[in-house]
Protein backbone atom coordinates (compact mmCIF):
# COMPACT_ATOMS: atom_id res chain seq x y z
CA MET A 1 9.61 -18.75 -39.49
CA ALA A 2 9.88 -18.94 -35.74
CA THR A 3 6.71 -18.82 -33.55
CA ILE A 4 6.27 -17.86 -29.92
CA PRO A 5 5.68 -21.45 -28.69
CA THR A 6 9.00 -22.39 -30.43
CA LEU A 7 10.96 -19.50 -29.04
CA LEU A 8 9.57 -19.71 -25.39
CA PRO A 9 11.71 -22.71 -24.46
CA LEU A 10 14.87 -21.02 -26.00
CA TYR A 11 14.23 -17.85 -24.00
CA THR A 12 13.63 -19.89 -20.86
CA GLU A 13 17.10 -21.73 -21.40
CA ALA A 14 18.84 -18.57 -22.38
CA GLU A 15 17.63 -17.02 -19.10
CA ARG A 16 18.84 -19.98 -17.00
CA ILE A 17 22.18 -19.77 -18.69
CA TYR A 18 22.43 -16.07 -17.99
CA ARG A 19 21.65 -16.21 -14.41
CA THR A 20 24.11 -19.01 -13.78
CA SER A 21 26.83 -17.38 -15.63
CA ALA A 22 29.82 -15.37 -14.20
CA PRO A 23 29.37 -11.51 -14.27
CA GLU A 24 31.91 -11.22 -17.28
CA ALA A 25 30.03 -13.91 -19.35
CA GLN A 26 26.65 -12.00 -18.50
CA GLN A 27 28.32 -8.73 -19.79
CA LYS A 28 29.27 -10.45 -22.95
CA MET A 29 25.84 -12.01 -23.43
CA SER A 30 24.20 -8.49 -22.94
CA GLU A 31 26.58 -6.90 -25.51
CA THR A 32 25.83 -9.77 -28.09
CA VAL A 33 22.03 -9.36 -27.45
CA SER A 34 22.36 -5.47 -27.79
CA SER A 35 24.14 -5.95 -31.08
CA VAL A 36 21.55 -8.44 -32.28
CA ILE A 37 18.76 -5.98 -31.33
CA VAL A 38 20.51 -3.12 -33.07
CA ASN A 39 21.30 -5.07 -36.00
CA PHE A 40 17.79 -6.55 -36.33
CA SER A 41 16.05 -3.18 -35.80
CA SER A 42 18.07 -1.64 -38.68
CA MET A 43 17.27 -4.49 -41.22
CA GLY A 44 14.89 -4.04 -44.09
CA SER A 45 12.77 -1.02 -45.20
CA THR A 46 10.23 -1.42 -42.44
CA SER A 47 12.84 -0.32 -39.76
CA ILE A 48 11.53 2.67 -37.68
CA SER A 49 13.59 5.63 -36.53
CA ASN A 50 14.78 5.98 -32.95
CA SER A 51 12.42 9.17 -32.67
CA ALA A 52 9.36 7.39 -34.20
CA LEU A 53 9.89 4.27 -32.08
CA TYR A 54 9.60 6.57 -29.06
CA GLU A 55 6.10 7.64 -30.10
CA HIS A 56 5.03 3.98 -31.01
CA ASP A 57 6.38 1.84 -28.47
CA PHE A 58 8.17 3.38 -25.32
CA PHE A 59 9.54 0.28 -23.85
CA GLU A 60 10.94 -0.79 -27.21
CA TRP A 61 12.57 2.76 -27.56
CA THR A 62 14.21 2.34 -24.14
CA GLN A 63 15.67 -1.09 -25.14
CA THR A 64 16.72 0.01 -28.58
CA THR A 65 18.26 3.24 -27.21
CA ALA A 66 20.29 1.48 -24.67
CA ALA A 67 21.39 -1.07 -27.32
CA LEU A 68 22.40 1.76 -29.81
CA LEU A 69 24.38 3.46 -26.91
CA ARG A 70 26.26 0.15 -26.02
CA ALA A 71 27.07 -0.51 -29.68
CA GLY A 72 28.28 3.08 -30.26
CA LYS A 73 25.59 3.82 -32.95
CA ARG A 74 25.24 7.45 -31.58
CA ASP A 75 24.02 8.82 -34.89
CA GLU A 76 20.92 6.79 -34.78
CA ILE A 77 19.74 8.16 -31.24
CA ASP A 78 17.22 10.73 -30.88
CA TRP A 79 19.38 12.74 -28.29
CA HIS A 80 16.67 15.37 -27.76
CA THR A 81 14.11 12.77 -26.42
CA LEU A 82 16.84 10.91 -24.51
CA ALA A 83 17.70 14.12 -22.67
CA GLU A 84 14.17 14.75 -21.64
CA GLU A 85 13.64 11.11 -20.57
CA ILE A 86 16.69 11.55 -18.35
CA GLU A 87 15.49 14.79 -16.97
CA SER A 88 11.97 13.31 -16.28
CA MET A 89 13.54 10.48 -14.36
CA GLY A 90 15.05 12.96 -11.83
CA LYS A 91 11.81 14.95 -11.58
CA SER A 92 10.08 11.56 -10.93
CA ASP A 93 12.23 10.83 -7.87
CA ARG A 94 11.58 14.18 -6.52
CA ARG A 95 7.84 13.98 -6.89
CA GLU A 96 8.04 10.32 -5.22
CA LEU A 97 9.88 11.89 -2.46
CA ARG A 98 7.41 14.93 -2.07
CA SER A 99 4.51 12.40 -2.16
CA GLN A 100 6.09 10.06 0.58
CA LEU A 101 7.01 12.84 2.67
CA GLN A 102 3.25 14.16 2.78
CA ARG A 103 1.86 10.39 3.33
CA LEU A 104 4.33 9.97 6.22
CA THR A 105 3.80 13.09 7.83
CA MET A 106 -0.12 12.74 7.62
CA HIS A 107 0.14 9.42 9.25
CA LEU A 108 2.28 10.69 11.94
CA LEU A 109 -0.10 13.32 12.53
CA LYS A 110 -2.87 10.88 12.97
CA TRP A 111 -0.61 8.78 15.09
CA ARG A 112 0.03 11.56 17.44
CA TYR A 113 -3.27 13.33 17.56
CA GLN A 114 -5.76 10.36 17.35
CA PRO A 115 -4.03 7.80 19.51
CA SER A 116 -7.22 6.02 20.30
CA GLU A 117 -7.41 5.02 16.57
CA ARG A 118 -3.93 3.77 16.16
CA SER A 119 -3.62 0.60 14.21
CA GLY A 120 -1.35 -2.01 12.56
CA SER A 121 -2.40 -0.24 9.36
CA TRP A 122 -1.36 3.04 10.36
CA ARG A 123 2.03 1.61 11.70
CA LYS A 124 2.57 -0.26 8.43
CA SER A 125 1.89 2.94 6.25
CA ILE A 126 4.35 4.91 8.33
CA ARG A 127 7.06 2.07 7.87
CA ASN A 128 6.33 1.81 4.20
CA ALA A 129 6.63 5.52 3.62
CA ARG A 130 10.00 5.67 5.59
CA THR A 131 11.14 2.72 3.38
CA GLU A 132 10.06 4.30 0.22
CA ILE A 133 11.78 7.67 1.29
CA GLN A 134 14.88 5.98 2.11
CA ASP A 135 14.91 4.06 -1.23
CA VAL A 136 14.56 7.34 -3.21
CA LEU A 137 17.31 8.87 -1.04
CA ASP A 138 19.53 5.86 -1.51
CA ASP A 139 19.07 6.03 -5.26
CA SER A 140 19.41 9.80 -5.60
CA PRO A 141 21.40 10.93 -2.56
CA SER A 142 21.61 14.65 -4.18
CA LEU A 143 17.89 14.83 -3.03
CA ARG A 144 18.91 14.49 0.54
CA PRO A 145 19.38 18.38 1.03
CA GLN A 146 16.13 18.98 -0.35
CA VAL A 147 14.13 16.95 2.13
CA SER A 148 13.55 19.86 4.68
CA THR A 149 12.28 22.23 1.97
CA LEU A 150 10.04 19.61 0.65
CA LEU A 151 8.74 18.63 3.92
CA ALA A 152 7.98 22.36 4.63
CA THR A 153 5.96 22.70 1.40
CA ARG A 154 4.14 19.31 2.06
CA TYR A 155 3.32 19.79 5.68
CA PRO A 156 0.34 21.89 5.17
CA LYS A 157 -1.02 19.48 2.65
CA ALA A 158 -0.44 16.58 5.03
CA ARG A 159 -2.17 18.54 7.83
CA VAL A 160 -5.27 19.04 5.64
CA ASP A 161 -5.25 15.25 4.72
CA ALA A 162 -4.98 14.36 8.45
CA ILE A 163 -7.90 16.87 9.36
CA ASP A 164 -9.96 15.34 6.55
CA GLU A 165 -9.14 11.63 7.58
CA THR A 166 -9.71 12.11 11.37
CA GLY A 167 -12.48 14.55 11.42
CA LEU A 168 -10.66 16.53 14.31
CA PRO A 169 -10.83 20.21 14.08
CA ASP A 170 -7.91 22.02 12.24
CA THR A 171 -6.88 23.57 15.69
CA ALA A 172 -5.92 20.00 16.70
CA PHE A 173 -3.07 20.24 14.52
CA PRO A 174 0.06 22.51 14.65
CA GLN A 175 0.35 25.05 11.96
CA GLY A 176 3.98 24.04 11.21
CA CYS A 177 5.50 20.69 11.22
CA PRO A 178 6.17 19.70 14.80
CA TRP A 179 9.08 17.23 14.05
CA THR A 180 12.46 17.52 12.54
CA VAL A 181 13.43 15.79 9.33
CA GLU A 182 15.65 13.37 11.51
CA GLN A 183 12.64 12.37 13.68
CA ILE A 184 10.17 11.90 10.87
CA LEU A 185 12.77 9.64 9.05
CA ASP A 186 13.86 7.72 12.28
CA ASP A 187 12.46 4.12 12.01
CA ASP A 188 12.19 4.39 15.99
CA PHE A 189 10.35 7.56 16.14
CA TRP A 190 6.67 7.15 16.98
CA PRO A 191 5.27 10.55 18.34
CA GLU A 192 3.47 10.35 21.68
CA GLU A 193 1.60 12.76 23.74
């Protein structure tokens, strides 16, 4: 029986071969590994159903489900759970976009209305939020039309966060977002007085 210490050098060598192979060879290797995983997972009486695997080990479920799809073993897939996970992925991107818009807007408010406290940390937070937002929009461009609505719903929360963090009175910050979506997402936009 193989042990981890004996398998680790094989894994390292296999990974090296994979990384240095042509894309066509990588695809063939992936298909072979998928087939091995599917065949291994269905061996013996101790095999676990796809739906049970989801409850037991989420990561293994993702790998096994992908392998089942590649191998065309559609009858073994828990389609209801797969559909829920795909839907959840979309919701996750939307939540991430909302969260980053709130964070970015809060930092822009602090930048604009508390200039004496500006720091490299604030600048970095603004840049990072813009990068995260752009990454989400690159991965899910269908979210782009929702940005202005999401900004409108998150601005009040960003305003409260800015009030809490700066200690300034709520009258110091506008009730509505003072910037356009284009300004907020523009890497060169740094609101001044």
